[in-house]
């Protein structure tokens, strides 16, 4: 884009840069040219790489911190994101399950970059975080990183919701899948570890026993020995008013 020039890039490819973004892009090119000109000076290599990293970082922050209205493709990131929605092989649209995954990745990385930007120059020690730092983060978060803010984030979140609606309508997609390790399952893409499920059940039982112990004045441990819990018949379904395991004849 830089080689073409700002106006020619828009004319040929439809991609646009505002003044700040183009200035940051120039900064990247300047750093690359400096690195090429100083090739062989090893003592400056790390400094130049760090400077290039900073230039790229500032460029992306400039792209993320742009408000858009109806014409969202004036933002370079949203332009690129829209291109990702095209299937190269068919020339049609990419499937929702592939496109939403790309969107999720862009949103995740964008949040990391914005988090770094908001706390740039601040101490990394959590104990040194001040109220002013937290309030600044909240202000920046509400302005750039939430839905309804007319930003790249807001637009991508809306597209993800739209794509998720299509994904839910698609048939033939497994909703529950075992991971190869057999130590976790995936439900609609979310990982559920078997050990965590067991821990949750155990925590539920422990909590229930604590309540029972309180109900019978600390005597649950003694009473429990007189009850064969394996013989108790119960249902997880609602069976009507005044119905419970206590009214089940099998538990007489």
Protein backbone atom coordinates (compact mmCIF):
# COMPACT_ATOMS: atom_id res chain seq x y z
CA UNK A 1 0.00 0.00 0.00
CA UNK A 2 2.80 2.39 0.89
CA UNK A 3 4.57 1.87 -2.43
CA UNK A 4 1.36 2.72 -4.28
CA UNK A 5 0.70 5.80 -2.23
CA UNK A 6 -2.34 6.61 -0.16
CA UNK A 7 -4.66 7.71 -2.98
CA UNK A 8 -3.62 4.98 -5.42
CA UNK A 9 -4.03 2.30 -2.73
CA UNK A 10 -7.62 3.40 -2.20
CA UNK A 11 -8.31 3.57 -5.93
CA UNK A 12 -6.87 0.11 -6.73
CA UNK A 13 -7.84 -1.86 -3.65
CA UNK A 14 -10.45 0.21 -1.85
CA UNK A 15 -8.37 0.28 1.33
CA UNK A 16 -8.21 3.61 3.13
CA UNK A 17 -6.00 5.12 5.82
CA UNK A 18 -6.68 8.24 7.86
CA UNK A 19 -3.93 10.78 8.56
CA UNK A 20 -2.74 9.14 11.77
CA UNK A 21 -2.70 5.63 10.32
CA UNK A 22 -0.76 6.71 7.24
CA UNK A 23 1.75 8.55 9.43
CA UNK A 24 2.26 5.38 11.50
CA UNK A 25 2.64 3.33 8.32
CA UNK A 26 5.35 5.72 7.19
CA UNK A 27 7.04 5.13 10.53
CA UNK A 28 7.15 1.38 9.86
CA UNK A 29 8.67 1.90 6.41
CA UNK A 30 11.25 4.32 7.81
CA UNK A 31 12.31 1.75 10.39
CA UNK A 32 12.60 -0.97 7.75
CA UNK A 33 14.75 1.27 5.56
CA UNK A 34 16.98 2.14 8.51
CA UNK A 35 17.42 -1.54 9.34
CA UNK A 36 18.30 -2.31 5.71
CA UNK A 37 20.82 0.54 5.62
CA UNK A 38 22.49 -0.50 8.86
CA UNK A 39 22.75 -4.17 8.01
CA UNK A 40 25.85 -5.70 9.59
CA UNK A 41 25.92 -3.42 12.63
CA UNK A 42 25.07 -6.13 15.14
CA UNK A 43 25.21 -3.88 18.20
CA UNK A 44 22.25 -1.90 16.86
CA UNK A 45 20.18 -4.90 15.77
CA UNK A 46 18.22 -5.31 18.99
CA UNK A 47 17.52 -1.58 19.23
CA UNK A 48 16.27 -1.42 15.66
CA UNK A 49 14.07 -4.49 16.11
CA UNK A 50 12.55 -3.01 19.26
CA UNK A 51 11.95 0.27 17.42
CA UNK A 52 10.28 -1.59 14.56
CA UNK A 53 8.08 -3.51 17.02
CA UNK A 54 7.03 -0.21 18.57
CA UNK A 55 6.24 1.29 15.16
CA UNK A 56 4.06 -1.71 14.20
CA UNK A 57 2.38 -1.57 17.61
CA UNK A 58 1.51 2.12 17.22
CA UNK A 59 0.19 1.48 13.70
CA UNK A 60 -2.24 -1.17 14.93
CA UNK A 61 -3.38 0.94 17.87
CA UNK A 62 -4.16 3.74 15.40
CA UNK A 63 -6.27 1.28 13.39
CA UNK A 64 -8.08 -0.07 16.47
CA UNK A 65 -8.83 3.41 17.82
CA UNK A 66 -10.93 4.65 14.92
CA UNK A 67 -14.65 5.27 15.11
CA UNK A 68 -16.72 4.27 12.09
CA UNK A 69 -20.36 4.87 11.26
CA UNK A 70 -22.24 3.35 8.32
CA UNK A 71 -19.21 3.02 6.00
CA UNK A 72 -17.24 0.66 8.22
CA UNK A 73 -14.77 -0.34 5.49
CA UNK A 74 -12.97 2.98 5.76
CA UNK A 75 -11.12 1.19 8.58
CA UNK A 76 -8.22 -0.94 7.22
CA UNK A 77 -8.80 -3.76 9.74
CA UNK A 78 -12.50 -4.05 8.90
CA UNK A 79 -11.60 -3.97 5.18
CA UNK A 80 -9.19 -6.88 5.77
CA UNK A 81 -11.77 -8.69 7.91
CA UNK A 82 -14.36 -8.45 5.16
CA UNK A 83 -11.87 -9.96 2.68
CA UNK A 84 -11.48 -12.92 5.06
CA UNK A 85 -15.18 -13.58 4.55
CA UNK A 86 -14.59 -14.45 0.88
CA UNK A 87 -13.96 -18.07 -0.09
CA UNK A 88 -10.93 -18.09 -2.42
CA UNK A 89 -11.92 -21.39 -4.05
CA UNK A 90 -15.56 -20.67 -4.83
CA UNK A 91 -15.57 -16.89 -4.97
CA UNK A 92 -18.58 -16.95 -2.64
CA UNK A 93 -18.82 -16.37 1.08
CA UNK A 94 -16.79 -18.33 3.62
CA UNK A 95 -18.75 -20.62 5.93
CA UNK A 96 -19.78 -19.07 9.22
CA UNK A 97 -17.84 -21.66 11.24
CA UNK A 98 -14.60 -20.57 9.53
CA UNK A 99 -15.27 -16.84 9.37
CA UNK A 100 -16.36 -16.45 13.01
CA UNK A 101 -13.22 -18.28 14.12
CA UNK A 102 -11.08 -15.74 12.25
CA UNK A 103 -13.07 -12.90 13.79
CA UNK A 104 -12.63 -14.35 17.27
CA UNK A 105 -8.87 -14.51 16.74
CA UNK A 106 -8.69 -10.89 15.55
CA UNK A 107 -10.80 -9.70 18.47
CA UNK A 108 -8.64 -11.62 20.96
CA UNK A 109 -5.36 -10.23 19.61
CA UNK A 110 -6.85 -6.76 19.34
CA UNK A 111 -7.81 -6.84 23.01
CA UNK A 112 -4.28 -7.86 23.95
CA UNK A 113 -2.85 -4.95 21.94
CA UNK A 114 -5.30 -2.48 23.49
CA UNK A 115 -4.55 -3.79 26.97
CA UNK A 116 -0.83 -3.22 26.32
CA UNK A 117 -1.59 0.24 24.93
CA UNK A 118 -3.76 1.33 27.86
CA UNK A 119 -1.17 0.27 30.44
CA UNK A 120 1.85 1.32 28.37
CA UNK A 121 4.56 2.81 30.55
CA UNK A 122 2.86 1.67 33.76
CA UNK A 123 4.46 -0.71 36.31
CA UNK A 124 3.95 -4.42 35.59
CA UNK A 125 3.71 -5.30 39.29
CA UNK A 126 -0.03 -5.77 40.08
CA UNK A 127 0.53 -4.36 43.58
CA UNK A 128 1.56 -1.04 42.03
CA UNK A 129 -1.68 -0.63 40.06
CA UNK A 130 -3.38 2.57 41.15
CA UNK A 131 -7.02 3.64 41.11
CA UNK A 132 -6.21 6.19 38.39
CA UNK A 133 -4.81 3.39 36.19
CA UNK A 134 -7.95 1.30 36.70
CA UNK A 135 -10.24 4.23 35.98
CA UNK A 136 -8.29 5.02 32.79
CA UNK A 137 -8.64 1.41 31.70
CA UNK A 138 -12.40 1.48 32.33
CA UNK A 139 -12.75 4.71 30.35
CA UNK A 140 -10.75 3.37 27.38
CA UNK A 141 -12.58 0.04 27.55
CA UNK A 142 -16.00 1.69 27.41
CA UNK A 143 -14.90 3.91 24.53
CA UNK A 144 -13.19 1.38 22.27
CA UNK A 145 -13.78 -2.25 23.30
CA UNK A 146 -17.51 -2.78 23.80
CA UNK A 147 -20.50 -3.24 21.54
CA UNK A 148 -22.31 -0.13 20.37
CA UNK A 149 -19.21 2.12 20.31
CA UNK A 150 -18.95 2.35 16.48
CA UNK A 151 -15.39 1.01 16.48
CA UNK A 152 -13.66 -1.95 14.79
CA UNK A 153 -14.31 -3.98 17.95
CA UNK A 154 -17.98 -3.07 18.02
CA UNK A 155 -18.37 -4.00 14.36
CA UNK A 156 -16.53 -7.33 14.66
CA UNK A 157 -18.54 -8.28 17.75
CA UNK A 158 -21.74 -7.59 15.77
CA UNK A 159 -20.48 -9.71 12.88
CA UNK A 160 -19.58 -12.53 15.27
CA UNK A 161 -23.10 -12.52 16.70
CA UNK A 162 -24.53 -12.60 13.18
CA UNK A 163 -22.24 -15.50 12.24
CA UNK A 164 -23.08 -17.36 15.43
CA UNK A 165 -26.75 -17.20 14.47
CA UNK A 166 -25.96 -18.95 11.19
CA UNK A 167 -23.77 -21.51 12.93
CA UNK A 168 -26.62 -22.46 15.24
CA UNK A 169 -28.83 -23.09 12.20
CA UNK A 170 -26.30 -25.30 10.44
CA UNK A 171 -27.00 -29.01 10.73
CA UNK A 172 -24.59 -31.89 10.89
CA UNK A 173 -22.12 -30.15 13.20
CA UNK A 174 -21.24 -32.18 16.33
CA UNK A 175 -22.12 -30.30 19.50
CA UNK A 176 -20.14 -32.59 21.81
CA UNK A 177 -16.72 -34.00 20.89
CA UNK A 178 -14.07 -35.85 22.87
CA UNK A 179 -10.56 -34.43 22.82
CA UNK A 180 -7.83 -36.82 21.72
CA UNK A 181 -6.50 -37.10 25.30
CA UNK A 182 -9.94 -38.30 26.50
CA UNK A 183 -9.51 -36.00 29.49
CA UNK A 184 -11.91 -33.34 28.21
CA UNK A 185 -14.89 -32.84 25.91
CA UNK A 186 -15.80 -29.91 23.71
CA UNK A 187 -19.35 -28.61 23.87
CA UNK A 188 -20.04 -26.07 21.08
CA UNK A 189 -16.30 -25.39 21.04
CA UNK A 190 -15.99 -24.87 24.80
CA UNK A 191 -13.62 -27.17 26.67
CA UNK A 192 -14.99 -29.08 29.67
CA UNK A 193 -12.33 -31.03 31.56
CA UNK A 194 -13.55 -34.28 33.10
CA UNK A 195 -11.63 -33.65 36.32
CA UNK A 196 -13.25 -30.23 36.66
CA UNK A 197 -16.66 -31.83 36.15
CA UNK A 198 -15.86 -34.37 38.90
CA UNK A 199 -14.67 -31.57 41.17
CA UNK A 200 -17.91 -29.66 40.54
CA UNK A 201 -20.01 -32.72 41.46
CA UNK A 202 -17.95 -33.29 44.61
CA UNK A 203 -18.29 -29.62 45.57
CA UNK A 204 -22.07 -29.90 45.12
CA UNK A 205 -22.23 -33.02 47.32
CA UNK A 206 -20.06 -31.41 50.01
CA UNK A 207 -22.25 -28.31 50.01
CA UNK A 208 -25.43 -30.39 50.26
CA UNK A 209 -24.00 -32.42 53.15
CA UNK A 210 -23.01 -29.23 54.96
CA UNK A 211 -26.61 -27.99 54.69
CA UNK A 212 -27.97 -31.34 55.86
CA UNK A 213 -25.61 -31.31 58.82
CA UNK A 214 -26.90 -27.87 59.80
CA UNK A 215 -30.53 -28.95 59.37
CA UNK A 216 -30.20 -31.89 61.78
CA UNK A 217 -28.07 -30.05 64.32
CA UNK A 218 -24.67 -31.48 63.44
CA UNK A 219 -25.78 -35.13 63.39
CA UNK A 220 -25.50 -35.80 59.63
CA UNK A 221 -22.38 -37.98 59.90
CA UNK A 222 -24.17 -40.33 62.28
CA UNK A 223 -27.46 -40.34 60.33
CA UNK A 224 -25.69 -40.89 57.00
CA UNK A 225 -24.44 -44.30 58.19
CA UNK A 226 -28.02 -45.48 58.61
CA UNK A 227 -29.11 -44.53 55.07
CA UNK A 228 -28.19 -46.51 51.95
CA UNK A 229 -28.00 -43.61 49.51
CA UNK A 230 -27.65 -46.02 46.59
CA UNK A 231 -31.22 -47.27 47.19
CA UNK A 232 -32.80 -43.80 47.08
CA UNK A 233 -34.81 -43.27 43.87
CA UNK A 234 -35.11 -39.70 42.59
CA UNK A 235 -35.94 -37.86 39.38
CA UNK A 236 -34.42 -34.73 37.90
CA UNK A 237 -37.76 -33.88 36.29
CA UNK A 238 -40.47 -31.76 37.88
CA UNK A 239 -43.28 -34.17 38.74
CA UNK A 240 -45.87 -31.71 39.98
CA UNK A 241 -46.75 -29.99 43.25
CA UNK A 242 -46.05 -31.85 46.52
CA UNK A 243 -44.13 -34.53 44.66
CA UNK A 244 -40.53 -35.43 45.50
CA UNK A 245 -38.34 -38.42 46.29
CA UNK A 246 -40.06 -38.52 49.69
CA UNK A 247 -43.42 -39.35 48.10
CA UNK A 248 -41.97 -42.01 45.82
CA UNK A 249 -43.27 -45.45 46.92
CA UNK A 250 -39.92 -47.04 46.08
CA UNK A 251 -38.38 -45.07 48.92
CA UNK A 252 -40.89 -46.29 51.50
